[in-house]
Amino acid sequence: MPDGKRNDPYGQFNFLIEIDGVVKGGFSEASGLTTDTNVIEYREGAEQHGTTRKLPGLMKYNNIVLKRGWTKDKSLWAWRKKVIDGKTQRNSGSIVLLDEARNEALRWNFREGWPSKWEGPALNAKTSEVAVETLEIAHEGLELA
């Protein structure tokens, strides 16, 4: 029997980004929270019906893509510059979804992340849009906590 409580879905607009436990605010988008397992098809020689077995293969994790309005904070560029200079710094981090009261509702933790791509803003004098920087983080694991 239903308990009478609503179970509304969370809004996608209320989130935080943490890198090594430090909140990095002001992101307008976070995407790439994806895990994927390769499928290995295998056919046994004695199989009568020509059916293949499907076995799990290697795990893959898509890059996490973060976008934020450009500010004086150059920390994302500095992190990317370390990779360019051959001194890759791997960090753990989290994407934290908040409820309407700004309490933590869900947390996706990634590990061994490093910036594989940084993109500066597209500049156009004919618009009044915010200049946006994009950072892609390659990582080696994603967990919903």
N, C-alpha and C. Protein backbone atom coordinates (compact mmCIF):
# COMPACT_ATOMS: atom_id res chain seq x y z
N MET A 1 0.84 -1.18 0.00
CA MET A 1 0.00 0.00 0.00
C MET A 1 0.89 1.24 0.00
N PRO A 2 0.58 2.24 -0.81
CA PRO A 2 1.38 3.46 -0.85
C PRO A 2 1.38 4.16 0.50
N ASP A 3 2.52 4.79 0.81
CA ASP A 3 2.64 5.47 2.10
C ASP A 3 2.22 6.94 2.04
N GLY A 4 1.81 7.42 0.89
CA GLY A 4 1.35 8.80 0.74
C GLY A 4 2.45 9.82 0.53
N LYS A 5 3.71 9.40 0.56
CA LYS A 5 4.81 10.33 0.33
C LYS A 5 5.13 10.41 -1.15
N ARG A 6 5.41 11.62 -1.60
CA ARG A 6 5.79 11.82 -3.00
C ARG A 6 7.25 11.44 -3.20
N ASN A 7 7.54 10.92 -4.36
CA ASN A 7 8.91 10.55 -4.71
C ASN A 7 9.27 11.26 -6.02
N ASP A 8 9.36 12.59 -5.95
CA ASP A 8 9.62 13.39 -7.14
C ASP A 8 11.06 13.23 -7.59
N PRO A 9 11.30 13.27 -8.90
CA PRO A 9 12.68 13.21 -9.40
C PRO A 9 13.42 14.51 -9.06
N TYR A 10 14.74 14.41 -9.01
CA TYR A 10 15.57 15.57 -8.71
C TYR A 10 15.74 16.43 -9.96
N GLY A 11 15.87 17.72 -9.77
CA GLY A 11 16.18 18.62 -10.87
C GLY A 11 17.64 18.46 -11.26
N GLN A 12 17.94 18.66 -12.53
CA GLN A 12 19.31 18.48 -13.01
C GLN A 12 20.14 19.75 -12.91
N PHE A 13 19.57 20.82 -12.39
CA PHE A 13 20.25 22.11 -12.38
C PHE A 13 20.98 22.40 -11.08
N ASN A 14 20.87 21.54 -10.08
CA ASN A 14 21.36 21.82 -8.74
C ASN A 14 22.47 20.83 -8.39
N PHE A 15 23.72 21.17 -8.72
CA PHE A 15 24.82 20.23 -8.51
C PHE A 15 26.12 20.96 -8.17
N LEU A 16 27.03 20.21 -7.60
CA LEU A 16 28.36 20.70 -7.26
C LEU A 16 29.41 19.78 -7.87
N ILE A 17 30.59 20.32 -8.09
CA ILE A 17 31.73 19.53 -8.53
C ILE A 17 32.80 19.62 -7.44
N GLU A 18 33.31 18.47 -7.01
CA GLU A 18 34.41 18.43 -6.05
C GLU A 18 35.59 17.74 -6.72
N ILE A 19 36.77 18.32 -6.56
CA ILE A 19 38.00 17.68 -7.04
C ILE A 19 38.95 17.62 -5.85
N ASP A 20 39.32 16.41 -5.48
CA ASP A 20 40.10 16.14 -4.28
C ASP A 20 39.49 16.79 -3.04
N GLY A 21 38.16 16.68 -2.92
CA GLY A 21 37.47 17.16 -1.73
C GLY A 21 37.19 18.64 -1.69
N VAL A 22 37.65 19.40 -2.68
CA VAL A 22 37.44 20.84 -2.71
C VAL A 22 36.34 21.15 -3.71
N VAL A 23 35.32 21.90 -3.27
CA VAL A 23 34.21 22.26 -4.15
C VAL A 23 34.70 23.27 -5.18
N LYS A 24 34.46 22.95 -6.44
CA LYS A 24 34.76 23.86 -7.54
C LYS A 24 33.41 24.31 -8.09
N GLY A 25 33.00 25.51 -7.81
CA GLY A 25 31.65 25.94 -8.11
C GLY A 25 31.50 26.59 -9.47
N GLY A 26 30.26 26.92 -9.79
CA GLY A 26 29.95 27.69 -10.97
C GLY A 26 29.85 26.93 -12.27
N PHE A 27 29.77 25.62 -12.24
CA PHE A 27 29.65 24.86 -13.47
C PHE A 27 28.21 24.88 -13.96
N SER A 28 28.04 25.10 -15.26
CA SER A 28 26.70 25.12 -15.84
C SER A 28 26.29 23.77 -16.39
N GLU A 29 27.27 22.90 -16.68
CA GLU A 29 26.96 21.57 -17.21
C GLU A 29 27.98 20.56 -16.72
N ALA A 30 27.49 19.34 -16.51
CA ALA A 30 28.35 18.19 -16.22
C ALA A 30 27.74 17.01 -16.94
N SER A 31 28.51 16.34 -17.78
CA SER A 31 28.00 15.19 -18.52
C SER A 31 29.08 14.12 -18.61
N GLY A 32 28.71 12.98 -19.16
CA GLY A 32 29.66 11.88 -19.33
C GLY A 32 29.63 10.88 -18.19
N LEU A 33 28.60 10.92 -17.36
CA LEU A 33 28.50 9.96 -16.26
C LEU A 33 28.00 8.64 -16.83
N THR A 34 28.91 7.95 -17.52
CA THR A 34 28.54 6.75 -18.27
C THR A 34 29.54 5.64 -18.00
N THR A 35 29.01 4.43 -17.78
CA THR A 35 29.84 3.24 -17.74
C THR A 35 29.36 2.31 -18.84
N ASP A 36 30.27 1.56 -19.40
CA ASP A 36 29.94 0.69 -20.53
C ASP A 36 30.80 -0.57 -20.43
N THR A 37 30.21 -1.71 -20.72
CA THR A 37 30.95 -2.96 -20.72
C THR A 37 30.92 -3.55 -22.12
N ASN A 38 32.09 -3.83 -22.68
CA ASN A 38 32.15 -4.48 -23.98
C ASN A 38 31.49 -5.85 -23.89
N VAL A 39 30.82 -6.24 -24.96
CA VAL A 39 30.19 -7.55 -25.03
C VAL A 39 31.06 -8.46 -25.89
N ILE A 40 31.41 -9.62 -25.35
CA ILE A 40 32.18 -10.61 -26.09
C ILE A 40 31.23 -11.72 -26.49
N GLU A 41 31.09 -11.92 -27.79
CA GLU A 41 30.22 -12.99 -28.26
C GLU A 41 31.04 -14.26 -28.46
N TYR A 42 30.52 -15.35 -27.95
CA TYR A 42 31.24 -16.62 -27.97
C TYR A 42 30.27 -17.72 -28.40
N ARG A 43 30.69 -18.54 -29.33
CA ARG A 43 29.85 -19.65 -29.80
C ARG A 43 30.54 -20.95 -29.46
N GLU A 44 29.83 -21.78 -28.74
CA GLU A 44 30.37 -23.10 -28.39
C GLU A 44 30.23 -24.03 -29.58
N GLY A 45 31.22 -24.88 -29.79
CA GLY A 45 31.22 -25.78 -30.94
C GLY A 45 30.09 -26.78 -30.94
N ALA A 46 29.62 -27.19 -29.77
CA ALA A 46 28.56 -28.19 -29.69
C ALA A 46 27.17 -27.58 -29.69
N GLU A 47 27.06 -26.27 -29.83
CA GLU A 47 25.76 -25.61 -29.79
C GLU A 47 24.92 -26.01 -30.99
N GLN A 48 23.71 -26.50 -30.75
CA GLN A 48 22.84 -27.01 -31.80
C GLN A 48 22.08 -25.91 -32.54
N HIS A 49 21.77 -24.84 -31.89
CA HIS A 49 20.88 -23.84 -32.47
C HIS A 49 21.61 -22.61 -33.01
N GLY A 50 22.91 -22.64 -33.06
CA GLY A 50 23.65 -21.50 -33.61
C GLY A 50 23.58 -20.25 -32.75
N THR A 51 23.31 -20.40 -31.48
CA THR A 51 23.20 -19.27 -30.56
C THR A 51 24.57 -18.90 -30.02
N THR A 52 24.81 -17.61 -29.92
CA THR A 52 26.07 -17.17 -29.31
C THR A 52 25.82 -16.81 -27.85
N ARG A 53 26.81 -17.05 -27.06
CA ARG A 53 26.79 -16.63 -25.66
C ARG A 53 27.34 -15.21 -25.61
N LYS A 54 26.82 -14.40 -24.71
CA LYS A 54 27.31 -13.03 -24.55
C LYS A 54 27.93 -12.89 -23.18
N LEU A 55 29.22 -12.60 -23.18
CA LEU A 55 30.00 -12.50 -21.96
C LEU A 55 30.46 -11.06 -21.74
N PRO A 56 30.59 -10.64 -20.47
CA PRO A 56 31.09 -9.28 -20.21
C PRO A 56 32.59 -9.20 -20.50
N GLY A 57 32.99 -8.10 -21.14
CA GLY A 57 34.39 -7.85 -21.46
C GLY A 57 34.94 -6.71 -20.63
N LEU A 58 35.77 -5.88 -21.25
CA LEU A 58 36.40 -4.77 -20.55
C LEU A 58 35.40 -3.67 -20.22
N MET A 59 35.61 -3.04 -19.08
CA MET A 59 34.80 -1.88 -18.67
C MET A 59 35.38 -0.62 -19.30
N LYS A 60 34.49 0.30 -19.67
CA LYS A 60 34.91 1.59 -20.20
C LYS A 60 34.17 2.68 -19.43
N TYR A 61 34.84 3.80 -19.25
CA TYR A 61 34.23 4.96 -18.60
C TYR A 61 34.41 6.15 -19.53
N ASN A 62 33.32 6.79 -19.91
CA ASN A 62 33.41 7.97 -20.76
C ASN A 62 34.07 9.12 -20.00
N ASN A 63 34.66 10.04 -20.75
CA ASN A 63 35.21 11.24 -20.13
C ASN A 63 34.08 12.07 -19.52
N ILE A 64 34.36 12.66 -18.37
CA ILE A 64 33.43 13.59 -17.75
C ILE A 64 33.68 14.95 -18.38
N VAL A 65 32.62 15.61 -18.81
CA VAL A 65 32.74 16.91 -19.47
C VAL A 65 32.11 17.97 -18.57
N LEU A 66 32.91 18.96 -18.20
CA LEU A 66 32.46 20.05 -17.33
C LEU A 66 32.51 21.36 -18.10
N LYS A 67 31.47 22.18 -17.94
CA LYS A 67 31.44 23.50 -18.58
C LYS A 67 31.11 24.54 -17.52
N ARG A 68 31.80 25.66 -17.62
CA ARG A 68 31.52 26.76 -16.69
C ARG A 68 31.83 28.09 -17.34
N GLY A 69 31.20 29.13 -16.82
CA GLY A 69 31.49 30.48 -17.28
C GLY A 69 32.91 30.87 -16.93
N TRP A 70 33.57 31.55 -17.86
CA TRP A 70 34.96 31.95 -17.69
C TRP A 70 35.06 33.01 -16.60
N THR A 71 35.99 32.81 -15.66
CA THR A 71 36.24 33.77 -14.58
C THR A 71 37.76 33.98 -14.48
N LYS A 72 38.18 34.68 -13.45
CA LYS A 72 39.62 34.89 -13.21
C LYS A 72 40.30 33.62 -12.71
N ASP A 73 39.53 32.64 -12.26
CA ASP A 73 40.08 31.39 -11.72
C ASP A 73 40.68 30.56 -12.85
N LYS A 74 41.99 30.39 -12.83
CA LYS A 74 42.69 29.64 -13.87
C LYS A 74 43.09 28.24 -13.42
N SER A 75 42.46 27.72 -12.36
CA SER A 75 42.88 26.43 -11.80
C SER A 75 42.67 25.26 -12.76
N LEU A 76 41.60 25.29 -13.55
CA LEU A 76 41.38 24.21 -14.51
C LEU A 76 42.45 24.23 -15.61
N TRP A 77 42.78 25.43 -16.07
CA TRP A 77 43.84 25.55 -17.08
C TRP A 77 45.17 25.09 -16.49
N ALA A 78 45.46 25.45 -15.25
CA ALA A 78 46.72 25.05 -14.61
C ALA A 78 46.81 23.54 -14.50
N TRP A 79 45.69 22.88 -14.19
CA TRP A 79 45.67 21.41 -14.09
C TRP A 79 45.94 20.80 -15.46
N ARG A 80 45.31 21.35 -16.50
CA ARG A 80 45.53 20.87 -17.87
C ARG A 80 46.98 21.12 -18.30
N LYS A 81 47.53 22.26 -17.94
CA LYS A 81 48.91 22.63 -18.33
C LYS A 81 49.92 21.62 -17.80
N LYS A 82 49.65 21.04 -16.63
CA LYS A 82 50.54 20.01 -16.08
C LYS A 82 50.62 18.81 -17.02
N VAL A 83 49.49 18.44 -17.62
CA VAL A 83 49.48 17.32 -18.58
C VAL A 83 50.28 17.71 -19.82
N ILE A 84 50.08 18.91 -20.31
CA ILE A 84 50.81 19.40 -21.49
C ILE A 84 52.31 19.38 -21.23
N ASP A 85 52.70 19.71 -20.01
CA ASP A 85 54.12 19.75 -19.64
C ASP A 85 54.68 18.38 -19.27
N GLY A 86 53.86 17.32 -19.39
CA GLY A 86 54.33 15.97 -19.09
C GLY A 86 54.36 15.63 -17.61
N LYS A 87 53.64 16.38 -16.79
CA LYS A 87 53.61 16.16 -15.34
C LYS A 87 52.17 15.90 -14.90
N THR A 88 51.55 14.89 -15.49
CA THR A 88 50.14 14.61 -15.24
C THR A 88 49.85 14.42 -13.76
N GLN A 89 48.85 15.15 -13.28
CA GLN A 89 48.41 15.05 -11.89
C GLN A 89 47.02 14.41 -11.88
N ARG A 90 46.94 13.23 -11.28
CA ARG A 90 45.66 12.52 -11.21
C ARG A 90 44.96 12.86 -9.90
N ASN A 91 43.67 13.15 -10.00
CA ASN A 91 42.87 13.49 -8.82
C ASN A 91 41.59 12.69 -8.82
N SER A 92 41.06 12.48 -7.64
CA SER A 92 39.72 11.92 -7.49
C SER A 92 38.75 13.08 -7.39
N GLY A 93 37.49 12.80 -7.65
CA GLY A 93 36.50 13.86 -7.57
C GLY A 93 35.10 13.31 -7.53
N SER A 94 34.15 14.23 -7.44
CA SER A 94 32.74 13.86 -7.35
C SER A 94 31.88 14.88 -8.06
N ILE A 95 30.79 14.39 -8.63
CA ILE A 95 29.70 15.23 -9.08
C ILE A 95 28.57 14.95 -8.10
N VAL A 96 28.10 16.01 -7.43
CA VAL A 96 27.13 15.86 -6.35
C VAL A 96 25.82 16.52 -6.76
N LEU A 97 24.76 15.73 -6.84
CA LEU A 97 23.44 16.25 -7.15
C LEU A 97 22.75 16.63 -5.85
N LEU A 98 22.18 17.83 -5.80
CA LEU A 98 21.52 18.34 -4.59
C LEU A 98 20.01 18.31 -4.75
N ASP A 99 19.31 18.18 -3.63
CA ASP A 99 17.85 18.26 -3.67
C ASP A 99 17.42 19.73 -3.59
N GLU A 100 16.12 19.97 -3.50
CA GLU A 100 15.63 21.35 -3.50
C GLU A 100 16.10 22.16 -2.30
N ALA A 101 16.40 21.48 -1.19
CA ALA A 101 16.89 22.16 0.01
C ALA A 101 18.42 22.28 0.00
N ARG A 102 19.05 21.94 -1.12
CA ARG A 102 20.50 21.97 -1.32
C ARG A 102 21.23 20.98 -0.41
N ASN A 103 20.56 19.86 -0.09
CA ASN A 103 21.19 18.76 0.62
C ASN A 103 21.65 17.74 -0.41
N GLU A 104 22.72 17.02 -0.10
CA GLU A 104 23.23 16.01 -1.02
C GLU A 104 22.20 14.90 -1.23
N ALA A 105 21.88 14.63 -2.50
CA ALA A 105 20.93 13.56 -2.84
C ALA A 105 21.66 12.37 -3.45
N LEU A 106 22.54 12.63 -4.41
CA LEU A 106 23.31 11.58 -5.07
C LEU A 106 24.74 12.06 -5.28
N ARG A 107 25.66 11.10 -5.35
CA ARG A 107 27.07 11.45 -5.55
C ARG A 107 27.69 10.42 -6.49
N TRP A 108 28.31 10.94 -7.57
CA TRP A 108 29.08 10.09 -8.48
C TRP A 108 30.55 10.38 -8.20
N ASN A 109 31.29 9.39 -7.76
CA ASN A 109 32.73 9.54 -7.48
C ASN A 109 33.53 8.98 -8.65
N PHE A 110 34.52 9.72 -9.09
CA PHE A 110 35.45 9.20 -10.10
C PHE A 110 36.83 9.13 -9.48
N ARG A 111 37.67 8.26 -10.05
CA ARG A 111 39.02 8.10 -9.50
C ARG A 111 40.06 8.18 -10.61
N GLU A 112 41.26 8.60 -10.21
CA GLU A 112 42.40 8.70 -11.13
C GLU A 112 42.08 9.60 -12.33
N GLY A 113 41.41 10.72 -12.08
CA GLY A 113 41.04 11.63 -13.16
C GLY A 113 42.15 12.61 -13.51
N TRP A 114 42.23 12.93 -14.78
CA TRP A 114 43.18 13.93 -15.27
C TRP A 114 42.57 14.61 -16.49
N PRO A 115 42.88 15.89 -16.70
CA PRO A 115 42.27 16.65 -17.80
C PRO A 115 42.85 16.26 -19.16
N SER A 116 42.04 15.60 -19.98
CA SER A 116 42.50 15.16 -21.30
C SER A 116 42.23 16.20 -22.38
N LYS A 117 41.35 17.16 -22.09
CA LYS A 117 41.04 18.20 -23.08
C LYS A 117 40.54 19.43 -22.35
N TRP A 118 40.99 20.56 -22.79
CA TRP A 118 40.50 21.85 -22.29
C TRP A 118 40.15 22.68 -23.51
N GLU A 119 39.02 23.35 -23.45
CA GLU A 119 38.59 24.20 -24.56
C GLU A 119 38.20 25.57 -24.03
N GLY A 120 38.79 26.59 -24.60
CA GLY A 120 38.46 27.96 -24.23
C GLY A 120 37.15 28.41 -24.85
N PRO A 121 36.73 29.61 -24.53
CA PRO A 121 35.44 30.10 -25.02
C PRO A 121 35.46 30.45 -26.50
N ALA A 122 34.29 30.30 -27.12
CA ALA A 122 34.09 30.80 -28.48
C ALA A 122 33.72 32.27 -28.34
N LEU A 123 34.51 33.14 -28.92
CA LEU A 123 34.30 34.58 -28.76
C LEU A 123 33.55 35.14 -29.96
N ASN A 124 32.54 35.97 -29.68
CA ASN A 124 31.72 36.54 -30.74
C ASN A 124 31.21 37.89 -30.26
N ALA A 125 31.64 38.96 -30.89
CA ALA A 125 31.27 40.31 -30.49
C ALA A 125 29.81 40.64 -30.78
N LYS A 126 29.10 39.79 -31.53
CA LYS A 126 27.71 40.06 -31.89
C LYS A 126 26.70 39.51 -30.88
N THR A 127 27.18 38.81 -29.85
CA THR A 127 26.26 38.24 -28.87
C THR A 127 26.60 38.75 -27.48
N SER A 128 25.71 38.50 -26.54
CA SER A 128 25.96 38.88 -25.14
C SER A 128 26.02 37.65 -24.24
N GLU A 129 26.37 36.50 -24.83
CA GLU A 129 26.43 35.27 -24.05
C GLU A 129 27.70 35.22 -23.19
N VAL A 130 27.65 34.40 -22.16
CA VAL A 130 28.78 34.22 -21.26
C VAL A 130 29.87 33.42 -21.96
N ALA A 131 31.12 33.80 -21.75
CA ALA A 131 32.26 33.03 -22.27
C ALA A 131 32.38 31.75 -21.43
N VAL A 132 32.45 30.58 -22.09
CA VAL A 132 32.42 29.30 -21.40
C VAL A 132 33.70 28.52 -21.68
N GLU A 133 34.28 27.94 -20.62
CA GLU A 133 35.41 27.03 -20.80
C GLU A 133 34.91 25.61 -20.55
N THR A 134 35.52 24.65 -21.25
CA THR A 134 35.13 23.24 -21.15
C THR A 134 36.35 22.42 -20.77
N LEU A 135 36.15 21.49 -19.85
CA LEU A 135 37.21 20.59 -19.42
C LEU A 135 36.71 19.16 -19.50
N GLU A 136 37.50 18.29 -20.16
CA GLU A 136 37.18 16.86 -20.20
C GLU A 136 38.14 16.14 -19.27
N ILE A 137 37.59 15.32 -18.40
CA ILE A 137 38.39 14.57 -17.44
C ILE A 137 38.33 13.09 -17.79
N ALA A 138 39.48 12.53 -18.17
CA ALA A 138 39.59 11.08 -18.36
C ALA A 138 39.78 10.47 -16.97
N HIS A 139 39.17 9.33 -16.74
CA HIS A 139 39.28 8.71 -15.42
C HIS A 139 39.21 7.20 -15.54
N GLU A 140 39.44 6.52 -14.41
CA GLU A 140 39.54 5.07 -14.43
C GLU A 140 38.49 4.38 -13.56
N GLY A 141 37.42 5.07 -13.25
CA GLY A 141 36.36 4.42 -12.49
C GLY A 141 35.31 5.40 -12.05
N LEU A 142 34.05 4.96 -12.05
CA LEU A 142 32.91 5.77 -11.65
C LEU A 142 32.03 4.95 -10.74
N GLU A 143 31.62 5.56 -9.64
CA GLU A 143 30.80 4.85 -8.67
C GLU A 143 29.67 5.77 -8.21
N LEU A 144 28.47 5.26 -8.15
CA LEU A 144 27.34 6.00 -7.60
C LEU A 144 27.27 5.70 -6.12
N ALA A 145 27.49 6.71 -5.29
CA ALA A 145 27.53 6.49 -3.84
C ALA A 145 26.27 7.02 -3.18
